[in-house]
Amino acid sequence: SGASGGIGLAIARAFLAEGARVAITGR
């Protein structure tokens, strides 16, 4: 959640780099 920028976006990028499937939320 809260992954449209900053820390959340970095977490999403890191999971994607590991090959994971990623869902991100933002308002």
PDB file of all heavy atoms in Angstrom:
ATOM      1  N   SER A   1       0.837  -1.202   0.000  1.00  0.00           N
ATOM      2  CA  SER A   1       0.000   0.000   0.000  1.00  0.00           C
ATOM      3  C   SER A   1       0.869   1.248   0.000  1.00  0.00           C
ATOM      4  O   SER A   1       2.032   1.222   0.417  1.00  0.00           O
ATOM      5  CB  SER A   1      -0.943   0.008   1.212  1.00  0.00           C
ATOM      6  OG  SER A   1      -0.224   0.154   2.418  1.00  0.00           O
ATOM      7  N   GLY A   2       0.306   2.355  -0.472  1.00  0.00           N
ATOM      8  CA  GLY A   2       1.036   3.613  -0.500  1.00  0.00           C
ATOM      9  C   GLY A   2       2.306   3.519  -1.318  1.00  0.00           C
ATOM     10  O   GLY A   2       3.362   4.003  -0.905  1.00  0.00           O
ATOM     11  N   ALA A   3       2.207   2.920  -2.505  1.00  0.00           N
ATOM     12  CA  ALA A   3       3.409   2.610  -3.280  1.00  0.00           C
ATOM     13  C   ALA A   3       3.530   3.421  -4.563  1.00  0.00           C
ATOM     14  O   ALA A   3       4.234   3.024  -5.481  1.00  0.00           O
ATOM     15  CB  ALA A   3       3.445   1.115  -3.605  1.00  0.00           C
ATOM     16  N   SER A   4       2.871   4.563  -4.618  1.00  0.00           N
ATOM     17  CA  SER A   4       2.982   5.385  -5.821  1.00  0.00           C
ATOM     18  C   SER A   4       4.258   6.225  -5.827  1.00  0.00           C
ATOM     19  O   SER A   4       4.567   6.885  -6.816  1.00  0.00           O
ATOM     20  CB  SER A   4       1.758   6.289  -5.976  1.00  0.00           C
ATOM     21  OG  SER A   4       1.564   7.089  -4.834  1.00  0.00           O
ATOM     22  N   GLY A   5       5.019   6.188  -4.743  1.00  0.00           N
ATOM     23  CA  GLY A   5       6.274   6.929  -4.680  1.00  0.00           C
ATOM     24  C   GLY A   5       7.065   6.553  -3.446  1.00  0.00           C
ATOM     25  O   GLY A   5       6.613   5.763  -2.610  1.00  0.00           O
ATOM     26  N   GLY A   6       8.251   7.108  -3.325  1.00  0.00           N
ATOM     27  CA  GLY A   6       9.056   6.975  -2.122  1.00  0.00           C
ATOM     28  C   GLY A   6       9.392   5.550  -1.730  1.00  0.00           C
ATOM     29  O   GLY A   6       9.778   4.716  -2.552  1.00  0.00           O
ATOM     30  N   ILE A   7       9.237   5.256  -0.436  1.00  0.00           N
ATOM     31  CA  ILE A   7       9.592   3.947   0.104  1.00  0.00           C
ATOM     32  C   ILE A   7       8.748   2.849  -0.519  1.00  0.00           C
ATOM     33  O   ILE A   7       9.263   1.783  -0.882  1.00  0.00           O
ATOM     34  CB  ILE A   7       9.454   3.957   1.639  1.00  0.00           C
ATOM     35  CG1 ILE A   7      10.533   4.840   2.265  1.00  0.00           C
ATOM     36  CG2 ILE A   7       9.541   2.542   2.200  1.00  0.00           C
ATOM     37  CD1 ILE A   7      10.363   5.061   3.756  1.00  0.00           C
ATOM     38  N   GLY A   8       7.451   3.078  -0.658  1.00  0.00           N
ATOM     39  CA  GLY A   8       6.581   2.053  -1.224  1.00  0.00           C
ATOM     40  C   GLY A   8       6.972   1.684  -2.642  1.00  0.00           C
ATOM     41  O   GLY A   8       6.968   0.504  -3.020  1.00  0.00           O
ATOM     42  N   LEU A   9       7.314   2.681  -3.447  1.00  0.00           N
ATOM     43  CA  LEU A   9       7.733   2.426  -4.825  1.00  0.00           C
ATOM     44  C   LEU A   9       9.031   1.629  -4.851  1.00  0.00           C
ATOM     45  O   LEU A   9       9.194   0.711  -5.674  1.00  0.00           O
ATOM     46  CB  LEU A   9       7.911   3.751  -5.563  1.00  0.00           C
ATOM     47  CG  LEU A   9       8.249   3.657  -7.052  1.00  0.00           C
ATOM     48  CD1 LEU A   9       7.113   3.045  -7.844  1.00  0.00           C
ATOM     49  CD2 LEU A   9       8.583   5.052  -7.606  1.00  0.00           C
ATOM     50  N   ALA A  10       9.958   1.951  -3.960  1.00  0.00           N
ATOM     51  CA  ALA A  10      11.219   1.213  -3.892  1.00  0.00           C
ATOM     52  C   ALA A  10      10.984  -0.237  -3.489  1.00  0.00           C
ATOM     53  O   ALA A  10      11.644  -1.153  -3.999  1.00  0.00           O
ATOM     54  CB  ALA A  10      12.173   1.895  -2.903  1.00  0.00           C
ATOM     55  N   ILE A  11      10.047  -0.457  -2.574  1.00  0.00           N
ATOM     56  CA  ILE A  11       9.722  -1.829  -2.165  1.00  0.00           C
ATOM     57  C   ILE A  11       9.144  -2.600  -3.349  1.00  0.00           C
ATOM     58  O   ILE A  11       9.502  -3.762  -3.592  1.00  0.00           O
ATOM     59  CB  ILE A  11       8.738  -1.825  -0.980  1.00  0.00           C
ATOM     60  CG1 ILE A  11       9.399  -1.219   0.262  1.00  0.00           C
ATOM     61  CG2 ILE A  11       8.250  -3.240  -0.673  1.00  0.00           C
ATOM     62  CD1 ILE A  11       8.430  -0.933   1.402  1.00  0.00           C
ATOM     63  N   ALA A  12       8.248  -1.963  -4.097  1.00  0.00           N
ATOM     64  CA  ALA A  12       7.671  -2.611  -5.275  1.00  0.00           C
ATOM     65  C   ALA A  12       8.749  -2.972  -6.284  1.00  0.00           C
ATOM     66  O   ALA A  12       8.768  -4.092  -6.830  1.00  0.00           O
ATOM     67  CB  ALA A  12       6.628  -1.693  -5.909  1.00  0.00           C
ATOM     68  N   ARG A  13       9.666  -2.045  -6.523  1.00  0.00           N
ATOM     69  CA  ARG A  13      10.741  -2.305  -7.484  1.00  0.00           C
ATOM     70  C   ARG A  13      11.612  -3.478  -7.023  1.00  0.00           C
ATOM     71  O   ARG A  13      12.024  -4.327  -7.834  1.00  0.00           O
ATOM     72  CB  ARG A  13      11.590  -1.053  -7.662  1.00  0.00           C
ATOM     73  CG  ARG A  13      12.713  -1.218  -8.673  1.00  0.00           C
ATOM     74  CD  ARG A  13      13.508   0.056  -8.872  1.00  0.00           C
ATOM     75  NE  ARG A  13      12.766   1.040  -9.652  1.00  0.00           N
ATOM     76  CZ  ARG A  13      12.286   2.177  -9.176  1.00  0.00           C
ATOM     77  NH1 ARG A  13      12.454   2.477  -7.885  1.00  0.00           N
ATOM     78  NH2 ARG A  13      11.643   3.028  -9.943  1.00  0.00           N
ATOM     79  N   ALA A  14      11.875  -3.547  -5.735  1.00  0.00           N
ATOM     80  CA  ALA A  14      12.714  -4.619  -5.202  1.00  0.00           C
ATOM     81  C   ALA A  14      12.036  -5.982  -5.340  1.00  0.00           C
ATOM     82  O   ALA A  14      12.685  -6.974  -5.707  1.00  0.00           O
ATOM     83  CB  ALA A  14      13.052  -4.339  -3.737  1.00  0.00           C
ATOM     84  N   PHE A  15      10.736  -6.045  -5.060  1.00  0.00           N
ATOM     85  CA  PHE A  15      10.023  -7.303  -5.232  1.00  0.00           C
ATOM     86  C   PHE A  15       9.994  -7.723  -6.701  1.00  0.00           C
ATOM     87  O   PHE A  15      10.182  -8.902  -7.029  1.00  0.00           O
ATOM     88  CB  PHE A  15       8.596  -7.195  -4.698  1.00  0.00           C
ATOM     89  CG  PHE A  15       8.430  -7.570  -3.263  1.00  0.00           C
ATOM     90  CD1 PHE A  15       8.291  -6.598  -2.276  1.00  0.00           C
ATOM     91  CD2 PHE A  15       8.399  -8.906  -2.869  1.00  0.00           C
ATOM     92  CE1 PHE A  15       8.131  -6.946  -0.946  1.00  0.00           C
ATOM     93  CE2 PHE A  15       8.245  -9.262  -1.542  1.00  0.00           C
ATOM     94  CZ  PHE A  15       8.108  -8.283  -0.576  1.00  0.00           C
ATOM     95  N   LEU A  16       9.764  -6.775  -7.593  1.00  0.00           N
ATOM     96  CA  LEU A  16       9.767  -7.093  -9.021  1.00  0.00           C
ATOM     97  C   LEU A  16      11.129  -7.616  -9.470  1.00  0.00           C
ATOM     98  O   LEU A  16      11.213  -8.556 -10.264  1.00  0.00           O
ATOM     99  CB  LEU A  16       9.381  -5.856  -9.833  1.00  0.00           C
ATOM    100  CG  LEU A  16       7.899  -5.462  -9.792  1.00  0.00           C
ATOM    101  CD1 LEU A  16       7.709  -4.069 -10.402  1.00  0.00           C
ATOM    102  CD2 LEU A  16       7.031  -6.482 -10.521  1.00  0.00           C
ATOM    103  N   ALA A  17      12.189  -7.016  -8.950  1.00  0.00           N
ATOM    104  CA  ALA A  17      13.537  -7.461  -9.309  1.00  0.00           C
ATOM    105  C   ALA A  17      13.791  -8.901  -8.864  1.00  0.00           C
ATOM    106  O   ALA A  17      14.588  -9.620  -9.482  1.00  0.00           O
ATOM    107  CB  ALA A  17      14.573  -6.523  -8.695  1.00  0.00           C
ATOM    108  N   GLU A  18      13.101  -9.324  -7.799  1.00  0.00           N
ATOM    109  CA  GLU A  18      13.224 -10.702  -7.321  1.00  0.00           C
ATOM    110  C   GLU A  18      12.340 -11.667  -8.108  1.00  0.00           C
ATOM    111  O   GLU A  18      12.355 -12.869  -7.861  1.00  0.00           O
ATOM    112  CB  GLU A  18      12.856 -10.771  -5.835  1.00  0.00           C
ATOM    113  CG  GLU A  18      13.838 -10.089  -4.909  1.00  0.00           C
ATOM    114  CD  GLU A  18      15.157 -10.830  -4.807  1.00  0.00           C
ATOM    115  OE1 GLU A  18      15.145 -12.080  -4.825  1.00  0.00           O
ATOM    116  OE2 GLU A  18      16.206 -10.158  -4.729  1.00  0.00           O
ATOM    117  N   GLY A  19      11.538 -11.116  -9.037  1.00  0.00           N
ATOM    118  CA  GLY A  19      10.666 -11.961  -9.841  1.00  0.00           C
ATOM    119  C   GLY A  19       9.283 -12.160  -9.270  1.00  0.00           C
ATOM    120  O   GLY A  19       8.498 -12.968  -9.798  1.00  0.00           O
ATOM    121  N   ALA A  20       8.948 -11.443  -8.211  1.00  0.00           N
ATOM    122  CA  ALA A  20       7.635 -11.590  -7.578  1.00  0.00           C
ATOM    123  C   ALA A  20       6.558 -10.888  -8.386  1.00  0.00           C
ATOM    124  O   ALA A  20       6.833 -10.010  -9.206  1.00  0.00           O
ATOM    125  CB  ALA A  20       7.673 -11.023  -6.159  1.00  0.00           C
ATOM    126  N   ARG A  21       5.317 -11.291  -8.140  1.00  0.00           N
ATOM    127  CA  ARG A  21       4.158 -10.569  -8.658  1.00  0.00           C
ATOM    128  C   ARG A  21       3.827  -9.472  -7.648  1.00  0.00           C
ATOM    129  O   ARG A  21       3.825  -9.727  -6.444  1.00  0.00           O
ATOM    130  CB  ARG A  21       2.971 -11.513  -8.837  1.00  0.00           C
ATOM    131  CG  ARG A  21       3.249 -12.646  -9.817  1.00  0.00           C
ATOM    132  CD  ARG A  21       2.083 -13.629  -9.873  1.00  0.00           C
ATOM    133  NE  ARG A  21       1.901 -14.331  -8.615  1.00  0.00           N
ATOM    134  CZ  ARG A  21       2.471 -15.485  -8.303  1.00  0.00           C
ATOM    135  NH1 ARG A  21       3.278 -16.081  -9.178  1.00  0.00           N
ATOM    136  NH2 ARG A  21       2.240 -16.063  -7.134  1.00  0.00           N
ATOM    137  N   VAL A  22       3.516  -8.281  -8.148  1.00  0.00           N
ATOM    138  CA  VAL A  22       3.389  -7.128  -7.256  1.00  0.00           C
ATOM    139  C   VAL A  22       2.114  -6.353  -7.549  1.00  0.00           C
ATOM    140  O   VAL A  22       1.845  -5.991  -8.699  1.00  0.00           O
ATOM    141  CB  VAL A  22       4.611  -6.190  -7.390  1.00  0.00           C
ATOM    142  CG1 VAL A  22       4.414  -4.927  -6.564  1.00  0.00           C
ATOM    143  CG2 VAL A  22       5.884  -6.908  -6.977  1.00  0.00           C
ATOM    144  N   ALA A  23       1.337  -6.084  -6.501  1.00  0.00           N
ATOM    145  CA  ALA A  23       0.186  -5.183  -6.582  1.00  0.00           C
ATOM    146  C   ALA A  23       0.482  -3.980  -5.708  1.00  0.00           C
ATOM    147  O   ALA A  23       0.923  -4.126  -4.566  1.00  0.00           O
ATOM    148  CB  ALA A  23      -1.083  -5.883  -6.104  1.00  0.00           C
ATOM    149  N   ILE A  24       0.285  -2.783  -6.251  1.00  0.00           N
ATOM    150  CA  ILE A  24       0.527  -1.567  -5.490  1.00  0.00           C
ATOM    151  C   ILE A  24      -0.748  -0.739  -5.431  1.00  0.00           C
ATOM    152  O   ILE A  24      -1.543  -0.734  -6.362  1.00  0.00           O
ATOM    153  CB  ILE A  24       1.680  -0.731  -6.080  1.00  0.00           C
ATOM    154  CG1 ILE A  24       1.357  -0.249  -7.503  1.00  0.00           C
ATOM    155  CG2 ILE A  24       2.981  -1.526  -6.059  1.00  0.00           C
ATOM    156  CD1 ILE A  24       2.404   0.698  -8.080  1.00  0.00           C
ATOM    157  N   THR A  25      -0.937  -0.064  -4.301  1.00  0.00           N
ATOM    158  CA  THR A  25      -2.095   0.809  -4.162  1.00  0.00           C
ATOM    159  C   THR A  25      -1.651   2.254  -3.990  1.00  0.00           C
ATOM    160  O   THR A  25      -0.538   2.550  -3.550  1.00  0.00           O
ATOM    161  CB  THR A  25      -2.969   0.432  -2.946  1.00  0.00           C
ATOM    162  OG1 THR A  25      -2.379   0.948  -1.742  1.00  0.00           O
ATOM    163  CG2 THR A  25      -3.156  -1.070  -2.834  1.00  0.00           C
ATOM    164  N   GLY A  26      -2.561   3.144  -4.345  1.00  0.00           N
ATOM    165  CA  GLY A  26      -2.395   4.571  -4.148  1.00  0.00           C
ATOM    166  C   GLY A  26      -3.766   5.207  -4.250  1.00  0.00           C
ATOM    167  O   GLY A  26      -4.713   4.591  -4.750  1.00  0.00           O
ATOM    168  N   ARG A  27      -3.878   6.435  -3.772  1.00  0.00           N
ATOM    169  CA  ARG A  27      -5.201   7.060  -3.742  1.00  0.00           C
ATOM    170  C   ARG A  27      -5.607   7.683  -5.066  1.00  0.00           C
ATOM    171  O   ARG A  27      -6.798   7.911  -5.294  1.00  0.00           O
ATOM    172  CB  ARG A  27      -5.259   8.107  -2.626  1.00  0.00           C
ATOM    173  CG  ARG A  27      -5.292   7.488  -1.237  1.00  0.00           C
ATOM    174  CD  ARG A  27      -5.370   8.543  -0.159  1.00  0.00           C
ATOM    175  NE  ARG A  27      -4.162   9.355  -0.104  1.00  0.00           N
ATOM    176  CZ  ARG A  27      -3.980  10.369   0.723  1.00  0.00           C
ATOM    177  NH1 ARG A  27      -4.944  10.716   1.559  1.00  0.00           N
ATOM    178  NH2 ARG A  27      -2.846  11.043   0.726  1.00  0.00           N
TER     179      ARG A  27
END
